[in-house]
Protein backbone atom coordinates (compact mmCIF):
# COMPACT_ATOMS: atom_id res chain seq x y z
CA SER A 1 13.88 66.54 2.49
CA GLY A 2 12.96 64.33 -0.48
CA LYS A 3 16.60 63.26 -0.89
CA ILE A 4 17.32 59.69 -2.07
CA VAL A 5 18.98 57.82 0.80
CA GLN A 6 19.62 54.49 -0.91
CA THR A 7 18.75 52.69 -4.15
CA LEU A 8 18.18 48.93 -4.01
CA GLU A 9 18.58 46.98 -7.26
CA THR A 10 16.40 44.03 -8.36
CA LYS A 11 16.42 41.92 -11.52
CA SER A 12 12.71 42.45 -12.28
CA PRO A 13 10.38 45.45 -11.98
CA VAL A 14 9.32 46.10 -8.38
CA THR A 15 5.52 45.98 -8.14
CA SER A 16 5.20 46.33 -4.36
CA ALA A 17 7.18 47.81 -1.48
CA GLU A 18 6.24 48.01 2.20
CA VAL A 19 8.08 49.03 5.36
CA SER A 20 7.24 46.71 8.27
CA GLN A 21 5.28 48.14 11.18
CA ASP A 22 8.30 47.83 13.49
CA GLY A 23 10.55 49.52 10.90
CA ARG A 24 12.96 46.58 10.63
CA TYR A 25 12.25 45.36 7.10
CA ILE A 26 11.36 46.57 3.64
CA THR A 27 9.30 43.91 1.84
CA THR A 28 9.39 43.98 -1.96
CA ALA A 29 7.79 41.94 -4.73
CA ASP A 30 9.62 41.74 -8.03
CA GLY A 31 8.97 39.16 -10.72
CA ALA A 32 8.59 35.76 -9.03
CA THR A 33 10.50 36.85 -5.92
CA VAL A 34 9.63 38.30 -2.52
CA LYS A 35 12.57 39.98 -0.79
CA PHE A 36 13.10 41.31 2.72
CA TRP A 37 15.67 44.09 3.12
CA ASP A 38 17.16 45.48 6.34
CA ALA A 39 15.55 48.92 6.64
CA ASP A 40 18.52 50.37 8.56
CA HIS A 41 21.49 49.07 6.55
CA PHE A 42 19.64 48.20 3.30
CA GLY A 43 21.19 44.76 2.92
CA LEU A 44 19.18 41.81 1.60
CA VAL A 45 18.02 39.67 4.56
CA LYS A 46 15.88 37.03 2.81
CA SER A 47 14.78 36.25 -0.73
CA TYR A 48 12.16 33.67 -1.65
CA ASN A 49 11.19 32.37 -5.08
CA MET A 50 7.42 32.25 -5.50
CA PRO A 51 5.29 29.77 -7.49
CA CYS A 52 4.23 32.51 -9.94
CA THR A 53 4.87 36.15 -10.76
CA VAL A 54 3.85 38.12 -7.67
CA GLU A 55 2.52 41.63 -7.73
CA SER A 56 2.32 42.30 -3.99
CA ALA A 57 3.60 41.00 -0.66
CA SER A 58 3.09 41.97 2.97
CA LEU A 59 4.81 40.96 6.23
CA GLU A 60 2.58 40.08 9.21
CA PRO A 61 2.96 43.14 11.48
CA LYS A 62 2.54 41.76 15.00
CA TYR A 63 4.98 38.83 15.13
CA GLY A 64 6.67 39.01 11.72
CA ASN A 65 6.59 35.23 11.41
CA LYS A 66 4.64 35.00 8.14
CA PHE A 67 4.02 36.91 4.96
CA ILE A 68 1.46 36.89 2.20
CA ALA A 69 1.89 37.19 -1.55
CA GLY A 70 -0.54 37.51 -4.44
CA GLY A 71 -0.09 37.61 -8.16
CA GLU A 72 -1.03 36.42 -11.58
CA ASP A 73 -2.25 32.94 -10.58
CA MET A 74 -5.28 34.55 -8.77
CA TRP A 75 -4.40 32.98 -5.40
CA VAL A 76 -3.28 34.56 -2.14
CA ARG A 77 -0.59 32.50 -0.45
CA VAL A 78 0.68 32.56 3.13
CA PHE A 79 4.35 31.72 3.78
CA ASP A 80 6.55 31.16 6.82
CA PHE A 81 8.91 34.14 7.09
CA HIS A 82 11.82 32.09 8.46
CA THR A 83 11.72 29.16 5.99
CA GLY A 84 9.77 30.44 2.99
CA ASP A 85 7.49 27.38 3.15
CA GLU A 86 3.91 27.87 1.97
CA THR A 87 1.51 27.35 4.87
CA ALA A 88 -1.82 28.25 3.23
CA CYS A 89 -3.32 29.05 -0.15
CA ASN A 90 -6.55 31.02 -0.44
CA LYS A 91 -8.55 30.82 -3.65
CA GLY A 92 -11.43 33.11 -4.46
CA HIS A 93 -10.39 35.78 -6.95
CA HIS A 94 -11.21 35.51 -10.64
CA GLY A 95 -8.35 37.66 -11.88
CA PRO A 96 -4.73 38.45 -10.98
CA VAL A 97 -4.19 39.72 -7.42
CA HIS A 98 -2.66 43.19 -7.61
CA CYS A 99 -2.33 44.07 -3.93
CA VAL A 100 -2.24 42.40 -0.50
CA ARG A 101 -1.86 43.97 2.97
CA PHE A 102 -2.17 42.79 6.56
CA SER A 103 -4.41 44.60 9.02
CA PRO A 104 -2.43 46.47 11.72
CA GLY A 105 -3.00 43.69 14.29
CA GLY A 106 -2.29 40.86 11.84
CA GLU A 107 -5.64 39.15 12.53
CA SER A 108 -6.68 39.50 8.89
CA TYR A 109 -5.46 40.68 5.54
CA ALA A 110 -7.00 42.13 2.41
CA SER A 111 -6.40 41.28 -1.23
CA GLY A 112 -7.44 43.32 -4.25
CA SER A 113 -7.83 41.79 -7.67
CA GLU A 114 -8.26 42.70 -11.31
CA ASP A 115 -11.69 41.05 -11.03
CA GLY A 116 -12.87 44.17 -9.18
CA THR A 117 -13.11 42.57 -5.74
CA ILE A 118 -11.46 43.14 -2.39
CA ARG A 119 -11.43 40.07 -0.18
CA ILE A 120 -10.78 40.09 3.57
CA TRP A 121 -9.15 36.90 4.89
CA GLN A 122 -9.01 35.94 8.57
CA THR A 123 -5.66 34.70 9.88
CA THR A 124 -6.56 33.69 13.42
CA PRO A 125 -9.33 31.33 14.51
CA LEU A 126 -12.42 32.92 15.99
CA THR A 127 -13.06 32.31 19.68
CA ASP A 128 -16.37 30.67 20.64
CA HIS A 129 -17.77 34.09 21.58
CA GLU A 130 -16.74 35.64 18.25
CA GLU A 131 -18.16 32.68 16.29
CA THR A 132 -21.54 33.00 18.02
CA LYS A 133 -21.61 36.77 17.49
CA SER A 134 -20.53 36.45 13.84
CA HIS A 135 -23.06 33.69 13.17
CA ALA A 136 -25.92 35.62 14.71
CA ALA A 137 -25.06 38.82 12.86
CA ASN A 138 -24.22 37.42 9.44
CA GLY A 139 -25.95 34.09 9.01
CA SER A 140 -22.77 32.07 8.61
CA VAL A 141 -19.84 31.43 10.92
CA GLY A 142 -16.77 33.57 10.28
CA LYS A 143 -18.15 35.36 7.23
CA VAL A 144 -17.70 38.89 8.58
CA LYS A 145 -15.89 39.71 11.80
CA VAL A 146 -16.39 43.49 11.99
CA SER A 147 -19.38 45.78 11.62
CA VAL A 148 -19.88 48.25 8.78
CA GLU A 149 -19.50 51.10 11.28
CA GLU A 150 -16.11 49.77 12.42
CA VAL A 151 -14.87 49.46 8.84
CA SER A 152 -16.14 52.98 8.09
CA ARG A 153 -14.23 54.36 11.08
CA LYS A 154 -11.03 52.61 9.96
CA ILE A 155 -11.32 53.87 6.40
CA GLY A 156 -12.04 57.39 7.68
CA GLY A 157 -10.82 59.45 4.71
CA PHE A 158 -13.21 57.80 2.24
CA HIS A 159 -16.91 57.20 2.05
CA ILE A 160 -19.10 55.11 -0.22
CA ALA A 161 -21.34 57.22 -2.42
CA GLU A 162 -24.90 56.08 -3.16
CA GLU A 163 -23.84 54.73 -6.57
CA GLY A 164 -21.24 52.49 -4.89
CA LYS A 165 -18.25 54.56 -6.01
CA THR A 166 -15.69 55.74 -3.51
CA LYS A 167 -14.61 59.34 -3.24
CA GLU A 168 -12.30 61.19 -0.91
CA LYS A 169 -13.88 63.15 1.94
CA GLU A 170 -13.19 66.85 1.90
């Protein structure tokens, strides 16, 4: 109906909002804080202060035991959902990270940066079979886990034009 059901207040501008895959939580990034709200009753469940201003956060969809956050320090950090402790820090962007999202299965996540790059990060170790397959196909272990055709199928509504620009399929 387009009717506002609830308004949640934060102290800083909200730069990211995501409803968890299971529908239990709304994850928001505002200022240097990542918050988790109850999606049914809209109460604040958890709030964690981050090491920098964050622009985006995403809850791991399969188990919900970790979340990622990216922001102005150019790093993508992984945190424990229950404690808020940082468990990993991935460096590789050369500009602020504007968006982060987990894949539907939680085995990887993507980060997009002001530097014009999208990076795909693996969250689970490769099995011996996957390592061999990845090494043979790509020349280095763990560099790319999926084929171009598989990524194209997942993106579906977009295609890459010859000039390298994306445009929506009609």
